[in-house]
Amino acid sequence: MGNLNMVAMLLLLIVSTAKAHVFDVCKYEACESPTPSKVLIPKGTFLLGQVKLEGPCKAALELEVQGTVIAKTEPGTMKEQGSWVTFERINGFTMFGGGTFDGQGPKAWGTCGKSYCQQLPINLRFNFITNGLVQHITSKDSKQFHVNLLRCNNLAFRHFTISAPDDSINTDGIHIGRSSGINISDSNIATGDDCVSIGQGSQQITIANVNCGPGHGISIGSLGKIENEESVVGITVRNCTFSNTQNGVRIKTWPASFKNAVSDVKFEDIIMNNVSSPIIIDQIYCQYNRCNKKLPSLVKISNVSFKHIRGTSATLAVELVCSSGIPCEELSRVDGLDWVQKKRDLTRNLVPEMGNPMEEDRWKQKLESEKEEAC
């Protein structure tokens, strides 16, 4: 990045045998520098309160994390609920260095039972980040989600590690919302919830060469619960390995939902090792039975492909339960599957019935007949 203006990190209290020191970056005004700046957390162990590094910055900004940063555990230390470290409105942001953000989650998990706990902080928030890169960084034991993306564009995670036990509650690895051009690659995610969850408004998302497990797999959704949600388009998951996860790749929408759409999704070249439910479309997703399953989902799912997925399943290998009101369309045949499984596959409300050549031919003939009648 050329000549970098070096600045100290904010609100860090060194926890070691040495005398404690406090560094306040606010007085250094990293974002005010007209030349690229670097914020450095050196090797060591640091206790960090709630922090927001907010732009817009006048030049690109690097954060080099060499040490381990530890979150506070005392109640009431977070002025804003749901956040620990936040990066916001920065164009040209890079974080690297081999360091760790330790959320000290075991002291907070279960605060709200199994429900989403709004007041618990997310380890790392990225809001309105453009042209960013996060690499060689670890998020450990977040009290809630490890990483949350909102309105980001062209942001990449490489050689990123997420570490939490499988019984940690609501600890999604990376949650993506209303963002585009997000790439997650060559990373290891072990947590107690979705390794990656893809929410409304996510477009052109690529997840490649990621090891997921333990956890709940990689999910699109849940969608349809909120009115005026943005559609999900252009999701690719490839060359990933799932080990001892609850699910593999999944699309989930609520019944009795508002309208939305999911399209252009590719799941390919994936290995499943002892995954309970490797391939799922669930359009009657109803967490804690708080919904009306008698009304269909109004989220339209189309143009989804599953190719070259192999491994072992603890239960169903393929479970595709689409909406009775808006059946799934243009789902490709599940191609190149190689399974050891305990139960038969389940498919419902597909157009055509995927995996059934006679049904596909019958559907094609029906479409051709309708075209001729229209002429």
Protein backbone atom coordinates (compact mmCIF):
# COMPACT_ATOMS: atom_id res chain seq x y z
CA MET A 1 0.00 0.00 0.00
CA GLY A 2 2.98 2.32 -0.26
CA ASN A 3 3.98 4.53 2.63
CA LEU A 4 1.69 3.80 5.55
CA ASN A 5 0.87 6.14 8.36
CA MET A 6 1.25 3.96 11.49
CA VAL A 7 -1.26 4.49 14.29
CA ALA A 8 -2.04 2.69 17.54
CA MET A 9 -5.17 0.63 18.22
CA LEU A 10 -8.06 2.05 20.21
CA LEU A 11 -9.23 1.22 23.68
CA LEU A 12 -6.87 -1.69 24.22
CA LEU A 13 -5.89 -2.78 27.68
CA ILE A 14 -2.99 -5.20 27.72
CA VAL A 15 -3.60 -8.17 29.97
CA SER A 16 -0.26 -9.67 30.90
CA THR A 17 2.24 -9.82 33.69
CA ALA A 18 3.44 -6.41 32.61
CA LYS A 19 1.82 -3.22 33.80
CA ALA A 20 -1.38 -2.45 31.89
CA HIS A 21 -1.35 0.17 29.14
CA VAL A 22 -4.21 1.92 27.40
CA PHE A 23 -4.03 3.14 23.78
CA ASP A 24 -6.66 5.43 22.30
CA VAL A 25 -6.71 5.60 18.49
CA CYS A 26 -9.29 8.39 18.46
CA LYS A 27 -6.59 10.97 19.03
CA TYR A 28 -4.60 9.55 16.12
CA GLU A 29 -7.52 9.95 13.69
CA ALA A 30 -6.60 7.09 11.36
CA CYS A 31 -9.48 7.78 8.98
CA GLU A 32 -8.47 11.43 8.63
CA SER A 33 -5.11 10.59 7.07
CA PRO A 34 -4.92 11.59 3.36
CA THR A 35 -2.53 8.67 2.79
CA PRO A 36 -3.13 4.95 3.47
CA SER A 37 -2.99 4.13 7.19
CA LYS A 38 -2.27 1.02 9.23
CA VAL A 39 -3.80 0.26 12.62
CA LEU A 40 -1.63 -2.26 14.48
CA ILE A 41 -2.48 -4.64 17.30
CA PRO A 42 0.90 -6.15 18.23
CA LYS A 43 1.57 -9.62 19.60
CA GLY A 44 0.17 -10.11 23.07
CA THR A 45 -3.18 -10.47 24.81
CA PHE A 46 -5.54 -7.50 24.99
CA LEU A 47 -8.87 -6.78 26.63
CA LEU A 48 -11.10 -4.74 24.34
CA GLY A 49 -14.36 -2.96 25.02
CA GLN A 50 -16.96 -2.12 22.40
CA VAL A 51 -15.32 -0.46 19.37
CA LYS A 52 -16.53 1.04 16.10
CA LEU A 53 -14.04 2.07 13.42
CA GLU A 54 -16.19 4.24 11.15
CA GLY A 55 -15.49 6.08 7.93
CA PRO A 56 -15.67 7.43 5.44
CA CYS A 57 -11.89 7.46 5.42
CA LYS A 58 -9.83 9.73 3.20
CA ALA A 59 -7.63 6.81 2.11
CA ALA A 60 -7.42 3.04 2.35
CA LEU A 61 -7.06 1.52 5.81
CA GLU A 62 -5.22 -1.60 7.01
CA LEU A 63 -5.76 -3.32 10.35
CA GLU A 64 -2.95 -5.71 11.23
CA VAL A 65 -3.90 -7.97 14.13
CA GLN A 66 -0.94 -9.96 15.43
CA GLY A 67 -2.19 -10.60 18.96
CA THR A 68 -5.26 -11.98 20.69
CA VAL A 69 -8.08 -9.56 21.49
CA ILE A 70 -10.48 -10.61 24.26
CA ALA A 71 -14.01 -9.31 24.77
CA LYS A 72 -15.30 -8.16 28.13
CA THR A 73 -17.80 -10.41 29.89
CA GLU A 74 -19.43 -8.06 32.41
CA PRO A 75 -23.11 -7.23 31.73
CA GLY A 76 -23.79 -3.68 30.64
CA THR A 77 -20.36 -3.02 29.14
CA MET A 78 -21.80 -2.70 25.61
CA LYS A 79 -23.47 0.66 24.90
CA GLU A 80 -24.96 -0.69 21.67
CA GLN A 81 -26.61 -4.08 21.75
CA GLY A 82 -25.45 -6.77 19.36
CA SER A 83 -21.97 -5.42 18.55
CA TRP A 84 -18.44 -5.86 19.82
CA VAL A 85 -16.09 -4.75 17.01
CA THR A 86 -17.67 -2.87 14.09
CA PHE A 87 -16.14 -1.62 10.84
CA GLU A 88 -18.40 0.75 8.94
CA ARG A 89 -18.44 2.85 5.75
CA ILE A 90 -14.86 2.22 4.65
CA ASN A 91 -13.77 1.93 1.03
CA GLY A 92 -10.54 -0.05 0.74
CA PHE A 93 -10.31 -1.96 4.03
CA THR A 94 -7.88 -4.81 4.76
CA MET A 95 -7.54 -6.86 7.94
CA PHE A 96 -4.80 -9.47 8.35
CA GLY A 97 -1.99 -10.57 10.62
CA GLY A 98 -2.75 -14.01 12.10
CA GLY A 99 -4.49 -12.62 15.19
CA THR A 100 -7.61 -13.73 17.07
CA PHE A 101 -10.81 -12.08 18.28
CA ASP A 102 -12.00 -14.06 21.33
CA GLY A 103 -15.60 -13.24 22.28
CA GLN A 104 -15.52 -15.30 25.51
CA GLY A 105 -18.85 -16.82 24.54
CA PRO A 106 -19.06 -19.67 27.08
CA LYS A 107 -19.90 -17.13 29.77
CA ALA A 108 -22.91 -15.87 27.79
CA TRP A 109 -24.32 -18.80 25.77
CA GLY A 110 -27.80 -19.73 26.87
CA THR A 111 -28.64 -16.26 28.20
CA CYS A 112 -31.87 -16.32 26.16
CA GLY A 113 -32.31 -20.08 26.07
CA LYS A 114 -32.27 -21.28 22.47
CA SER A 115 -33.80 -18.07 21.11
CA TYR A 116 -31.91 -15.33 19.27
CA CYS A 117 -30.45 -13.05 21.92
CA GLN A 118 -30.45 -9.50 20.57
CA GLN A 119 -28.38 -8.00 23.35
CA LEU A 120 -25.45 -10.39 22.97
CA PRO A 121 -22.62 -8.96 20.86
CA ILE A 122 -21.50 -10.23 17.47
CA ASN A 123 -17.71 -10.54 17.31
CA LEU A 124 -17.17 -8.68 14.03
CA ARG A 125 -19.61 -6.48 12.13
CA PHE A 126 -18.90 -5.17 8.64
CA ASN A 127 -21.40 -2.50 7.57
CA PHE A 128 -21.21 -0.74 4.20
CA ILE A 129 -17.67 -1.96 3.48
CA THR A 130 -16.58 -1.66 -0.17
CA ASN A 131 -13.50 -3.29 -1.72
CA GLY A 132 -12.35 -5.16 1.38
CA LEU A 133 -10.21 -8.16 2.30
CA VAL A 134 -10.04 -10.13 5.56
CA GLN A 135 -7.41 -12.86 5.70
CA HIS A 136 -5.45 -14.92 8.22
CA ILE A 137 -7.77 -13.88 11.07
CA THR A 138 -9.56 -16.07 13.66
CA SER A 139 -12.89 -15.46 15.37
CA LYS A 140 -13.23 -17.57 18.51
CA ASP A 141 -16.19 -18.25 20.80
CA SER A 142 -18.38 -15.34 19.82
CA LYS A 143 -21.29 -14.71 22.19
CA GLN A 144 -23.57 -14.64 19.14
CA PHE A 145 -22.83 -14.58 15.36
CA HIS A 146 -19.12 -14.48 14.64
CA VAL A 147 -19.36 -12.21 11.59
CA ASN A 148 -22.24 -10.15 10.22
CA LEU A 149 -22.20 -8.40 6.83
CA LEU A 150 -24.64 -5.62 5.96
CA ARG A 151 -24.66 -3.71 2.65
CA CYS A 152 -21.12 -4.73 1.77
CA ASN A 153 -19.81 -4.87 -1.78
CA ASN A 154 -16.73 -6.69 -3.08
CA LEU A 155 -15.55 -8.07 0.25
CA ALA A 156 -13.44 -11.24 0.48
CA PHE A 157 -12.59 -13.60 3.35
CA ARG A 158 -9.53 -15.81 2.77
CA HIS A 159 -7.81 -18.19 5.14
CA PHE A 160 -10.34 -17.15 7.76
CA THR A 161 -10.94 -19.34 10.80
CA ILE A 162 -14.00 -19.58 12.99
CA SER A 163 -13.82 -21.68 16.15
CA ALA A 164 -16.64 -22.55 18.57
CA PRO A 165 -18.03 -25.83 19.95
CA ASP A 166 -21.07 -27.48 18.42
CA ASP A 167 -23.21 -26.69 21.47
CA SER A 168 -22.67 -22.92 21.22
CA ILE A 169 -26.08 -21.31 20.62
CA ASN A 170 -26.84 -18.96 17.68
CA THR A 171 -23.20 -18.68 16.71
CA ASP A 172 -23.54 -18.48 12.91
CA GLY A 173 -20.10 -18.29 11.34
CA ILE A 174 -20.63 -15.64 8.66
CA HIS A 175 -24.06 -14.12 8.10
CA ILE A 176 -24.51 -12.22 4.83
CA GLY A 177 -27.33 -9.74 4.37
CA ARG A 178 -28.13 -7.32 1.53
CA SER A 179 -24.59 -7.58 0.19
CA SER A 180 -23.04 -8.37 -3.19
CA GLY A 181 -19.76 -9.67 -4.51
CA ILE A 182 -18.88 -11.57 -1.32
CA ASN A 183 -16.23 -14.29 -1.61
CA ILE A 184 -15.34 -16.74 1.16
CA SER A 185 -12.50 -19.11 0.31
CA ASP A 186 -9.85 -21.41 1.76
CA SER A 187 -11.34 -21.13 5.24
CA ASN A 188 -12.25 -23.34 8.21
CA ILE A 189 -15.52 -22.82 10.06
CA ALA A 190 -16.46 -24.81 13.17
CA THR A 191 -19.40 -23.51 15.18
CA GLY A 192 -22.77 -24.29 16.77
CA ASP A 193 -25.03 -22.94 14.03
CA ASP A 194 -24.79 -22.28 10.28
CA CYS A 195 -21.23 -22.11 9.01
CA VAL A 196 -22.47 -19.53 6.51
CA SER A 197 -26.00 -18.12 6.46
CA ILE A 198 -27.17 -16.13 3.44
CA GLY A 199 -29.98 -13.72 4.11
CA GLN A 200 -32.21 -11.48 2.04
CA GLY A 201 -30.70 -9.24 -0.63
CA SER A 202 -27.56 -11.35 -1.07
CA GLN A 203 -26.31 -11.40 -4.66
CA GLN A 204 -23.29 -12.92 -6.38
CA ILE A 205 -21.95 -14.81 -3.37
CA THR A 206 -19.18 -17.41 -3.82
CA ILE A 207 -18.13 -19.89 -1.14
CA ALA A 208 -15.23 -22.11 -2.22
CA ASN A 209 -12.77 -24.47 -0.56
CA VAL A 210 -14.36 -24.10 2.86
CA ASN A 211 -14.31 -26.77 5.57
CA CYS A 212 -17.54 -26.68 7.57
CA GLY A 213 -18.04 -28.62 10.78
CA PRO A 214 -19.27 -28.93 13.36
CA GLY A 215 -22.25 -26.73 12.62
CA HIS A 216 -25.53 -26.60 10.73
CA GLY A 217 -24.08 -26.37 7.23
CA ILE A 218 -24.44 -23.58 4.67
CA SER A 219 -27.94 -22.10 4.42
CA ILE A 220 -29.86 -19.69 2.26
CA GLY A 221 -32.54 -18.18 4.46
CA SER A 222 -34.70 -18.34 6.25
CA LEU A 223 -36.70 -16.12 3.89
CA GLY A 224 -40.24 -14.82 3.65
CA LYS A 225 -40.89 -13.91 7.25
CA ILE A 226 -40.51 -10.15 6.71
CA GLU A 227 -42.43 -8.04 4.20
CA ASN A 228 -40.52 -6.44 1.30
CA GLU A 229 -37.45 -8.63 1.61
CA GLU A 230 -34.93 -8.39 -1.23
CA SER A 231 -34.38 -11.44 -3.45
CA VAL A 232 -31.38 -13.76 -3.32
CA VAL A 233 -29.60 -14.26 -6.66
CA GLY A 234 -26.37 -15.85 -7.86
CA ILE A 235 -25.11 -18.10 -5.05
CA THR A 236 -22.28 -20.58 -5.70
CA VAL A 237 -20.99 -23.14 -3.19
CA ARG A 238 -18.23 -25.36 -4.57
CA ASN A 239 -15.30 -27.54 -3.52
CA CYS A 240 -16.41 -27.52 0.12
CA THR A 241 -16.25 -30.27 2.75
CA PHE A 242 -18.85 -30.77 5.48
CA SER A 243 -17.94 -32.97 8.45
CA ASN A 244 -20.28 -34.04 11.26
CA THR A 245 -22.74 -31.24 10.53
CA GLN A 246 -26.48 -31.22 11.13
CA ASN A 247 -27.14 -30.14 7.54
CA GLY A 248 -25.17 -29.77 4.36
CA VAL A 249 -26.48 -27.25 1.81
CA ARG A 250 -29.92 -25.87 2.54
CA ILE A 251 -32.54 -23.39 1.31
CA LYS A 252 -35.22 -22.59 3.89
CA THR A 253 -38.34 -20.41 3.67
CA TRP A 254 -41.27 -19.84 5.99
CA PRO A 255 -44.81 -21.07 5.25
CA ALA A 256 -47.53 -18.43 5.18
CA SER A 257 -44.77 -16.11 4.00
CA PHE A 258 -44.46 -12.82 2.18
CA LYS A 259 -43.33 -12.92 -1.45
CA ASN A 260 -39.65 -13.28 -2.33
CA ALA A 261 -37.43 -15.23 -4.72
CA VAL A 262 -34.27 -17.34 -4.79
CA SER A 263 -32.64 -18.04 -8.15
CA ASP A 264 -29.40 -19.02 -9.88
CA VAL A 265 -27.94 -21.22 -7.14
CA LYS A 266 -25.16 -23.77 -7.69
CA PHE A 267 -23.99 -26.43 -5.24
CA GLU A 268 -21.20 -28.48 -6.78
CA ASP A 269 -18.14 -30.64 -6.04
CA ILE A 270 -18.97 -31.09 -2.37
CA ILE A 271 -17.96 -33.81 0.12
CA MET A 272 -20.27 -34.74 3.01
CA ASN A 273 -18.78 -36.73 5.91
CA ASN A 274 -21.43 -38.09 8.30
CA VAL A 275 -23.85 -35.24 7.59
CA SER A 276 -27.35 -35.77 8.94
CA SER A 277 -29.21 -34.09 6.05
CA PRO A 278 -26.84 -33.22 3.17
CA ILE A 279 -29.24 -31.61 0.64
CA ILE A 280 -32.33 -29.71 1.79
CA ILE A 281 -34.97 -27.42 0.38
CA ASP A 282 -37.40 -26.73 3.20
CA GLN A 283 -40.30 -24.42 2.37
CA ILE A 284 -42.20 -25.25 5.51
CA TYR A 285 -39.39 -24.11 7.80
CA CYS A 286 -41.02 -23.23 11.11
CA GLN A 287 -38.67 -22.48 13.97
CA TYR A 288 -40.16 -23.30 17.38
CA ASN A 289 -43.52 -24.00 15.59
CA ARG A 290 -44.32 -20.29 15.49
CA CYS A 291 -46.08 -20.24 12.12
CA ASN A 292 -49.07 -21.47 10.14
CA LYS A 293 -48.02 -24.51 8.15
CA LYS A 294 -51.43 -24.74 6.49
CA LEU A 295 -50.60 -21.79 4.20
CA PRO A 296 -47.85 -22.21 1.57
CA SER A 297 -44.64 -20.29 1.28
CA LEU A 298 -44.71 -17.52 -1.34
CA VAL A 299 -40.96 -17.58 -1.92
CA LYS A 300 -40.26 -18.73 -5.47
CA ILE A 301 -37.22 -21.00 -5.84
CA SER A 302 -35.84 -21.54 -9.34
CA ASN A 303 -32.73 -22.51 -11.28
CA VAL A 304 -30.96 -24.49 -8.55
CA SER A 305 -28.42 -27.20 -9.37
CA PHE A 306 -26.78 -29.93 -7.29
CA LYS A 307 -23.77 -31.54 -8.96
CA HIS A 308 -21.04 -33.95 -7.90
CA ILE A 309 -21.99 -34.16 -4.23
CA ARG A 310 -20.81 -37.29 -2.44
CA GLY A 311 -20.35 -38.72 1.01
CA THR A 312 -22.28 -40.27 3.89
CA SER A 313 -25.67 -39.31 5.32
CA ALA A 314 -26.99 -40.11 8.77
CA THR A 315 -30.63 -39.87 7.57
CA LEU A 316 -32.00 -38.54 4.26
CA ALA A 317 -29.46 -37.69 1.58
CA VAL A 318 -31.90 -35.51 -0.38
CA GLU A 319 -34.92 -33.76 1.11
CA LEU A 320 -36.60 -31.31 -1.25
CA VAL A 321 -39.89 -30.03 0.15
CA CYS A 322 -41.02 -27.14 -2.02
CA SER A 323 -44.01 -24.84 -1.66
CA SER A 324 -47.42 -26.27 -2.57
CA GLY A 325 -48.41 -22.78 -3.74
CA ILE A 326 -45.34 -21.97 -5.84
CA PRO A 327 -43.54 -25.21 -6.74
CA CYS A 328 -39.78 -25.14 -7.27
CA GLU A 329 -38.88 -24.65 -10.94
CA GLU A 330 -35.81 -25.43 -13.02
CA LEU A 331 -34.13 -27.58 -10.42
CA SER A 332 -31.51 -29.61 -12.24
CA ARG A 333 -31.26 -33.34 -11.81
CA VAL A 334 -29.12 -34.24 -8.82
CA ASP A 335 -26.06 -35.25 -10.79
CA GLY A 336 -23.08 -37.30 -9.73
CA LEU A 337 -24.33 -38.19 -6.25
CA ASP A 338 -22.62 -41.01 -4.38
CA TRP A 339 -24.21 -41.75 -1.02
CA VAL A 340 -24.30 -44.11 1.90
CA GLN A 341 -27.62 -43.26 3.55
CA LYS A 342 -30.16 -44.72 5.97
CA LYS A 343 -33.44 -43.50 4.46
CA ARG A 344 -34.97 -42.91 1.05
CA ASP A 345 -34.89 -39.46 -0.51
CA LEU A 346 -37.92 -37.17 -0.15
CA THR A 347 -39.12 -34.81 -2.88
CA ARG A 348 -42.33 -32.79 -3.02
CA ASN A 349 -43.81 -30.04 -5.24
CA LEU A 350 -41.07 -29.95 -7.87
CA VAL A 351 -41.59 -28.92 -11.49
CA PRO A 352 -40.61 -31.31 -13.00
CA GLU A 353 -40.17 -34.05 -10.41
CA MET A 354 -36.37 -34.01 -10.14
CA GLY A 355 -34.53 -37.25 -10.57
CA ASN A 356 -37.43 -38.93 -12.41
CA PRO A 357 -36.63 -39.12 -16.16
CA MET A 358 -40.17 -40.20 -17.12
CA GLU A 359 -41.66 -37.26 -15.22
CA GLU A 360 -39.17 -34.87 -16.85
CA ASP A 361 -40.07 -36.16 -20.32
CA ARG A 362 -43.79 -35.92 -19.51
CA TRP A 363 -43.33 -32.32 -18.33
CA LYS A 364 -41.38 -31.37 -21.44
CA GLN A 365 -44.13 -32.87 -23.64
CA LYS A 366 -46.75 -30.88 -21.70
CA LEU A 367 -44.82 -27.65 -22.26
CA GLU A 368 -44.43 -28.36 -25.98
CA SER A 369 -48.17 -29.10 -26.26
CA GLU A 370 -49.04 -25.84 -24.53
CA LYS A 371 -46.74 -23.91 -26.89
CA GLU A 372 -48.43 -25.49 -29.93
CA GLU A 373 -51.89 -24.62 -28.57
CA ALA A 374 -50.78 -21.04 -27.99
CA CYS A 375 -49.69 -20.77 -31.61
